[in-house]
Amino acid sequence: MENGGSLLPPFFYNGRVPRTSAIFLVGMMGVGKSTVGALLARRMGRVFIDSDKEVEHRAGRSIPEIFAAEGEAHFRRIEADVIRDAAIDGAVIALGGGAVIAPGAIEQLLETGEVIYLEAAPSVLLERVGKASDRPLLAGLDPEGRLDKLEGLLEERIPFYRRAGRTVDATGTAGEVVDRILDGLAGIAMA
């Protein structure tokens, strides 16, 4: 398989990141987990799974509809099942922003595969989520309220995110972020 014109380096399959190990992308909403994950999977020759999309598929409705009908706890139970099932095939998996806060979740992820925290400032996240009409935790808030909510969620979640095996700066293009991830997986210091 080719990677931007050159062959993929063998480090993906030499025991550092075994082909069967899942790669979990964690971080706040708007950080780019889905976009980066799809590109990373393509460049590594792996399957990509967006846990939010898979939750919607299994539930037969959108995440805002799940939140409205059964609440966040029900959504988190479906999400946990999706993540457990997805990890079996060694995929690149983009997790929902709050997936790591369930009791034992981050420990399970770390035991199952490589966990990469995509990090960006709340102001960058706010710009990326826009009006956030499809984000239940930000619904109905004005820009200042969305920023406050993002800052609060980040403060709550950062202890879990920081337990990831790697932290990658998620500013810039998806291609730049993927390059940082691949460099880190190759043992090159990440910026």
C-alpha atoms as a PDB file:
ATOM      1  CA  MET A   1       0.000   0.000   0.000  1.00  0.00           C
ATOM      2  CA  GLU A   2       1.254   3.465  -0.739  1.00  0.00           C
ATOM      3  CA  ASN A   3       1.534   6.429   1.573  1.00  0.00           C
ATOM      4  CA  GLY A   4       1.851   9.695  -0.323  1.00  0.00           C
ATOM      5  CA  GLY A   5       3.980   8.070  -3.019  1.00  0.00           C
ATOM      6  CA  SER A   6       6.200   5.984  -0.750  1.00  0.00           C
ATOM      7  CA  LEU A   7       5.683   2.576   0.765  1.00  0.00           C
ATOM      8  CA  LEU A   8       4.313   2.427   4.272  1.00  0.00           C
ATOM      9  CA  PRO A   9       7.161   1.802   6.693  1.00  0.00           C
ATOM     10  CA  PRO A  10       7.209  -1.640   8.303  1.00  0.00           C
ATOM     11  CA  PHE A  11       6.923  -0.331  11.879  1.00  0.00           C
ATOM     12  CA  PHE A  12       3.152  -0.741  11.798  1.00  0.00           C
ATOM     13  CA  TYR A  13       3.540  -4.504  11.745  1.00  0.00           C
ATOM     14  CA  ASN A  14       6.727  -5.180  13.720  1.00  0.00           C
ATOM     15  CA  GLY A  15       5.284  -5.406  17.210  1.00  0.00           C
ATOM     16  CA  ARG A  16       5.293  -1.693  18.082  1.00  0.00           C
ATOM     17  CA  VAL A  17       1.744  -1.296  16.853  1.00  0.00           C
ATOM     18  CA  PRO A  18       0.700  -4.811  15.891  1.00  0.00           C
ATOM     19  CA  ARG A  19      -1.668  -5.034  12.972  1.00  0.00           C
ATOM     20  CA  THR A  20      -4.283  -6.564  15.276  1.00  0.00           C
ATOM     21  CA  SER A  21      -4.093  -3.750  17.866  1.00  0.00           C
ATOM     22  CA  ALA A  22      -6.766  -1.126  17.633  1.00  0.00           C
ATOM     23  CA  ILE A  23      -5.798   2.524  17.424  1.00  0.00           C
ATOM     24  CA  PHE A  24      -8.185   4.698  19.428  1.00  0.00           C
ATOM     25  CA  LEU A  25      -8.412   8.423  18.766  1.00  0.00           C
ATOM     26  CA  VAL A  26      -9.730  10.308  21.782  1.00  0.00           C
ATOM     27  CA  GLY A  27     -10.325  13.977  22.426  1.00  0.00           C
ATOM     28  CA  MET A  28     -12.956  16.661  22.565  1.00  0.00           C
ATOM     29  CA  MET A  29     -15.744  17.158  20.060  1.00  0.00           C
ATOM     30  CA  GLY A  30     -14.523  19.224  17.133  1.00  0.00           C
ATOM     31  CA  VAL A  31     -10.911  18.120  17.435  1.00  0.00           C
ATOM     32  CA  GLY A  32     -11.145  16.169  14.150  1.00  0.00           C
ATOM     33  CA  LYS A  33     -11.131  12.548  15.314  1.00  0.00           C
ATOM     34  CA  SER A  34     -13.393  11.356  12.481  1.00  0.00           C
ATOM     35  CA  THR A  35     -11.589  13.205   9.695  1.00  0.00           C
ATOM     36  CA  VAL A  36      -8.137  12.330  10.994  1.00  0.00           C
ATOM     37  CA  GLY A  37      -9.171   8.748  11.753  1.00  0.00           C
ATOM     38  CA  ALA A  38     -10.454   8.097   8.235  1.00  0.00           C
ATOM     39  CA  LEU A  39      -7.248   9.429   6.701  1.00  0.00           C
ATOM     40  CA  LEU A  40      -5.027   7.579   9.187  1.00  0.00           C
ATOM     41  CA  ALA A  41      -6.836   4.296   8.492  1.00  0.00           C
ATOM     42  CA  ARG A  42      -6.483   4.769   4.743  1.00  0.00           C
ATOM     43  CA  ARG A  43      -2.774   5.512   5.042  1.00  0.00           C
ATOM     44  CA  MET A  44      -2.226   2.498   7.326  1.00  0.00           C
ATOM     45  CA  GLY A  45      -4.387   0.119   5.287  1.00  0.00           C
ATOM     46  CA  ARG A  46      -6.804  -0.428   8.175  1.00  0.00           C
ATOM     47  CA  VAL A  47     -10.538  -0.269   8.666  1.00  0.00           C
ATOM     48  CA  PHE A  48     -11.930   2.996  10.049  1.00  0.00           C
ATOM     49  CA  ILE A  49     -14.802   3.066  12.531  1.00  0.00           C
ATOM     50  CA  ASP A  50     -16.482   6.226  13.767  1.00  0.00           C
ATOM     51  CA  SER A  51     -18.048   5.160  17.069  1.00  0.00           C
ATOM     52  CA  ASP A  52     -20.730   7.881  16.880  1.00  0.00           C
ATOM     53  CA  LYS A  53     -21.840   6.728  13.414  1.00  0.00           C
ATOM     54  CA  GLU A  54     -21.873   3.113  14.569  1.00  0.00           C
ATOM     55  CA  VAL A  55     -23.974   4.034  17.624  1.00  0.00           C
ATOM     56  CA  GLU A  56     -26.471   5.746  15.314  1.00  0.00           C
ATOM     57  CA  HIS A  57     -26.527   2.699  13.049  1.00  0.00           C
ATOM     58  CA  ARG A  58     -27.156   0.283  15.927  1.00  0.00           C
ATOM     59  CA  ALA A  59     -29.788   2.483  17.565  1.00  0.00           C
ATOM     60  CA  GLY A  60     -31.522   3.313  14.286  1.00  0.00           C
ATOM     61  CA  ARG A  61     -31.575   7.026  15.109  1.00  0.00           C
ATOM     62  CA  SER A  62     -29.323  10.045  15.532  1.00  0.00           C
ATOM     63  CA  ILE A  63     -27.341  10.811  18.672  1.00  0.00           C
ATOM     64  CA  PRO A  64     -29.505  13.874  19.451  1.00  0.00           C
ATOM     65  CA  GLU A  65     -32.565  11.592  19.210  1.00  0.00           C
ATOM     66  CA  ILE A  66     -30.962   9.044  21.540  1.00  0.00           C
ATOM     67  CA  PHE A  67     -30.134  11.764  24.063  1.00  0.00           C
ATOM     68  CA  ALA A  68     -33.679  13.179  23.863  1.00  0.00           C
ATOM     69  CA  ALA A  69     -35.428   9.812  24.167  1.00  0.00           C
ATOM     70  CA  GLU A  70     -33.227   7.837  26.599  1.00  0.00           C
ATOM     71  CA  GLY A  71     -30.568  10.248  27.842  1.00  0.00           C
ATOM     72  CA  GLU A  72     -26.806  10.302  27.914  1.00  0.00           C
ATOM     73  CA  ALA A  73     -26.438   7.169  30.081  1.00  0.00           C
ATOM     74  CA  HIS A  74     -28.224   5.044  27.463  1.00  0.00           C
ATOM     75  CA  PHE A  75     -26.065   6.538  24.713  1.00  0.00           C
ATOM     76  CA  ARG A  76     -22.899   5.727  26.724  1.00  0.00           C
ATOM     77  CA  ARG A  77     -23.987   2.075  27.136  1.00  0.00           C
ATOM     78  CA  ILE A  78     -24.432   1.657  23.368  1.00  0.00           C
ATOM     79  CA  GLU A  79     -21.156   3.489  22.793  1.00  0.00           C
ATOM     80  CA  ALA A  80     -19.278   1.149  25.162  1.00  0.00           C
ATOM     81  CA  ASP A  81     -20.618  -1.896  23.281  1.00  0.00           C
ATOM     82  CA  VAL A  82     -19.599  -0.385  19.939  1.00  0.00           C
ATOM     83  CA  ILE A  83     -16.071   0.358  21.147  1.00  0.00           C
ATOM     84  CA  ARG A  84     -15.624  -3.117  22.627  1.00  0.00           C
ATOM     85  CA  ASP A  85     -16.798  -4.771  19.392  1.00  0.00           C
ATOM     86  CA  ALA A  86     -14.753  -2.474  17.128  1.00  0.00           C
ATOM     87  CA  ALA A  87     -11.500  -3.082  18.998  1.00  0.00           C
ATOM     88  CA  ILE A  88     -11.516  -6.729  17.995  1.00  0.00           C
ATOM     89  CA  ASP A  89     -10.648  -6.053  14.383  1.00  0.00           C
ATOM     90  CA  GLY A  90      -7.606  -3.822  14.860  1.00  0.00           C
ATOM     91  CA  ALA A  91      -9.309  -0.815  13.327  1.00  0.00           C
ATOM     92  CA  VAL A  92      -8.611   2.874  13.684  1.00  0.00           C
ATOM     93  CA  ILE A  93     -11.490   4.003  15.898  1.00  0.00           C
ATOM     94  CA  ALA A  94     -12.624   7.587  16.464  1.00  0.00           C
ATOM     95  CA  LEU A  95     -14.317   7.732  19.864  1.00  0.00           C
ATOM     96  CA  GLY A  96     -16.907  10.198  21.036  1.00  0.00           C
ATOM     97  CA  GLY A  97     -15.487  12.926  23.242  1.00  0.00           C
ATOM     98  CA  GLY A  98     -16.929  11.511  26.467  1.00  0.00           C
ATOM     99  CA  ALA A  99     -16.224   7.837  25.800  1.00  0.00           C
ATOM    100  CA  VAL A 100     -13.199   7.822  28.101  1.00  0.00           C
ATOM    101  CA  ILE A 101     -14.984   8.977  31.256  1.00  0.00           C
ATOM    102  CA  ALA A 102     -16.984   5.818  31.949  1.00  0.00           C
ATOM    103  CA  PRO A 103     -15.517   3.862  34.886  1.00  0.00           C
ATOM    104  CA  GLY A 104     -12.721   1.640  33.606  1.00  0.00           C
ATOM    105  CA  ALA A 105     -13.017   2.863  30.004  1.00  0.00           C
ATOM    106  CA  ILE A 106      -9.566   4.379  29.597  1.00  0.00           C
ATOM    107  CA  GLU A 107      -7.952   1.360  31.254  1.00  0.00           C
ATOM    108  CA  GLN A 108      -9.756  -0.971  28.850  1.00  0.00           C
ATOM    109  CA  LEU A 109      -8.674   1.108  25.855  1.00  0.00           C
ATOM    110  CA  LEU A 110      -5.052   1.098  26.991  1.00  0.00           C
ATOM    111  CA  GLU A 111      -5.135  -2.692  27.410  1.00  0.00           C
ATOM    112  CA  THR A 112      -6.703  -3.195  23.984  1.00  0.00           C
ATOM    113  CA  GLY A 113      -4.650  -0.936  21.756  1.00  0.00           C
ATOM    114  CA  GLU A 114      -2.852   2.317  21.153  1.00  0.00           C
ATOM    115  CA  VAL A 115      -4.672   5.372  22.570  1.00  0.00           C
ATOM    116  CA  ILE A 116      -3.911   8.727  20.965  1.00  0.00           C
ATOM    117  CA  TYR A 117      -5.222  11.967  22.432  1.00  0.00           C
ATOM    118  CA  LEU A 118      -5.850  14.641  19.808  1.00  0.00           C
ATOM    119  CA  GLU A 119      -5.427  17.955  21.587  1.00  0.00           C
ATOM    120  CA  ALA A 120      -6.647  21.441  20.642  1.00  0.00           C
ATOM    121  CA  ALA A 121      -7.561  24.594  22.555  1.00  0.00           C
ATOM    122  CA  PRO A 122     -11.246  25.254  23.342  1.00  0.00           C
ATOM    123  CA  SER A 123     -11.214  28.257  20.981  1.00  0.00           C
ATOM    124  CA  VAL A 124     -10.159  25.967  18.105  1.00  0.00           C
ATOM    125  CA  LEU A 125     -12.847  23.452  19.082  1.00  0.00           C
ATOM    126  CA  LEU A 126     -15.507  26.188  19.144  1.00  0.00           C
ATOM    127  CA  GLU A 127     -14.533  27.310  15.652  1.00  0.00           C
ATOM    128  CA  ARG A 128     -14.736  23.740  14.373  1.00  0.00           C
ATOM    129  CA  VAL A 129     -18.089  22.820  15.940  1.00  0.00           C
ATOM    130  CA  GLY A 130     -19.752  25.970  14.605  1.00  0.00           C
ATOM    131  CA  LYS A 131     -23.376  26.313  15.682  1.00  0.00           C
ATOM    132  CA  ALA A 132     -23.256  22.764  17.066  1.00  0.00           C
ATOM    133  CA  SER A 133     -26.862  21.986  16.167  1.00  0.00           C
ATOM    134  CA  ASP A 134     -25.973  18.264  16.018  1.00  0.00           C
ATOM    135  CA  ARG A 135     -24.093  18.269  19.349  1.00  0.00           C
ATOM    136  CA  PRO A 136     -26.502  17.468  22.207  1.00  0.00           C
ATOM    137  CA  LEU A 137     -24.174  18.783  24.900  1.00  0.00           C
ATOM    138  CA  LEU A 138     -23.946  22.187  23.150  1.00  0.00           C
ATOM    139  CA  ALA A 139     -27.503  22.463  21.809  1.00  0.00           C
ATOM    140  CA  GLY A 140     -29.263  25.743  22.438  1.00  0.00           C
ATOM    141  CA  LEU A 141     -26.171  27.602  23.632  1.00  0.00           C
ATOM    142  CA  ASP A 142     -24.880  30.856  22.184  1.00  0.00           C
ATOM    143  CA  PRO A 143     -21.173  31.048  21.168  1.00  0.00           C
ATOM    144  CA  GLU A 144     -20.088  32.191  24.641  1.00  0.00           C
ATOM    145  CA  GLY A 145     -22.129  29.424  26.256  1.00  0.00           C
ATOM    146  CA  ARG A 146     -20.649  26.842  23.855  1.00  0.00           C
ATOM    147  CA  LEU A 147     -17.121  27.994  24.708  1.00  0.00           C
ATOM    148  CA  ASP A 148     -17.877  27.826  28.443  1.00  0.00           C
ATOM    149  CA  LYS A 149     -19.332  24.329  28.017  1.00  0.00           C
ATOM    150  CA  LEU A 150     -16.318  23.160  25.960  1.00  0.00           C
ATOM    151  CA  GLU A 151     -13.935  24.510  28.609  1.00  0.00           C
ATOM    152  CA  GLY A 152     -15.898  22.766  31.375  1.00  0.00           C
ATOM    153  CA  LEU A 153     -16.038  19.459  29.509  1.00  0.00           C
ATOM    154  CA  LEU A 154     -12.321  19.641  28.761  1.00  0.00           C
ATOM    155  CA  GLU A 155     -11.528  20.319  32.412  1.00  0.00           C
ATOM    156  CA  GLU A 156     -13.601  17.263  33.399  1.00  0.00           C
ATOM    157  CA  ARG A 157     -12.128  14.996  30.732  1.00  0.00           C
ATOM    158  CA  ILE A 158      -8.478  16.071  30.581  1.00  0.00           C
ATOM    159  CA  PRO A 159      -7.321  13.684  33.345  1.00  0.00           C
ATOM    160  CA  PHE A 160      -8.649  10.795  31.227  1.00  0.00           C
ATOM    161  CA  TYR A 161      -7.301  12.124  27.916  1.00  0.00           C
ATOM    162  CA  ARG A 162      -3.860  12.659  29.430  1.00  0.00           C
ATOM    163  CA  ARG A 163      -3.641   8.951  30.249  1.00  0.00           C
ATOM    164  CA  ALA A 164      -3.443   8.189  26.524  1.00  0.00           C
ATOM    165  CA  GLY A 165      -0.210   6.641  25.322  1.00  0.00           C
ATOM    166  CA  ARG A 166       0.378   9.602  23.021  1.00  0.00           C
ATOM    167  CA  THR A 167      -0.757  13.202  22.756  1.00  0.00           C
ATOM    168  CA  VAL A 168      -0.832  14.822  19.321  1.00  0.00           C
ATOM    169  CA  ASP A 169      -1.391  18.474  18.476  1.00  0.00           C
ATOM    170  CA  ALA A 170      -4.585  18.484  16.391  1.00  0.00           C
ATOM    171  CA  THR A 171      -4.212  21.965  14.932  1.00  0.00           C
ATOM    172  CA  GLY A 172      -3.600  22.308  11.217  1.00  0.00           C
ATOM    173  CA  THR A 173      -4.883  20.113   8.424  1.00  0.00           C
ATOM    174  CA  ALA A 174      -5.957  16.499   8.826  1.00  0.00           C
ATOM    175  CA  GLY A 175      -2.935  15.474   6.773  1.00  0.00           C
ATOM    176  CA  GLU A 176      -0.583  17.304   9.130  1.00  0.00           C
ATOM    177  CA  VAL A 177      -2.177  15.665  12.159  1.00  0.00           C
ATOM    178  CA  VAL A 178      -1.915  12.213  10.543  1.00  0.00           C
ATOM    179  CA  ASP A 179       1.746  12.881   9.761  1.00  0.00           C
ATOM    180  CA  ARG A 180       2.324  13.711  13.455  1.00  0.00           C
ATOM    181  CA  ILE A 181       0.596  10.485  14.490  1.00  0.00           C
ATOM    182  CA  LEU A 182       2.605   8.383  12.054  1.00  0.00           C
ATOM    183  CA  ASP A 183       5.831  10.053  13.131  1.00  0.00           C
ATOM    184  CA  GLY A 184       4.981   9.264  16.757  1.00  0.00           C
ATOM    185  CA  LEU A 185       4.153   5.666  15.961  1.00  0.00           C
ATOM    186  CA  ALA A 186       7.474   5.399  14.166  1.00  0.00           C
ATOM    187  CA  GLY A 187       9.245   6.508  17.336  1.00  0.00           C
ATOM    188  CA  ILE A 188       9.957  10.050  16.128  1.00  0.00           C
ATOM    189  CA  ALA A 189       9.268  12.751  18.717  1.00  0.00           C
ATOM    190  CA  MET A 190       5.935  14.482  18.102  1.00  0.00           C
ATOM    191  CA  ALA A 191       5.719  18.247  17.979  1.00  0.00           C
END
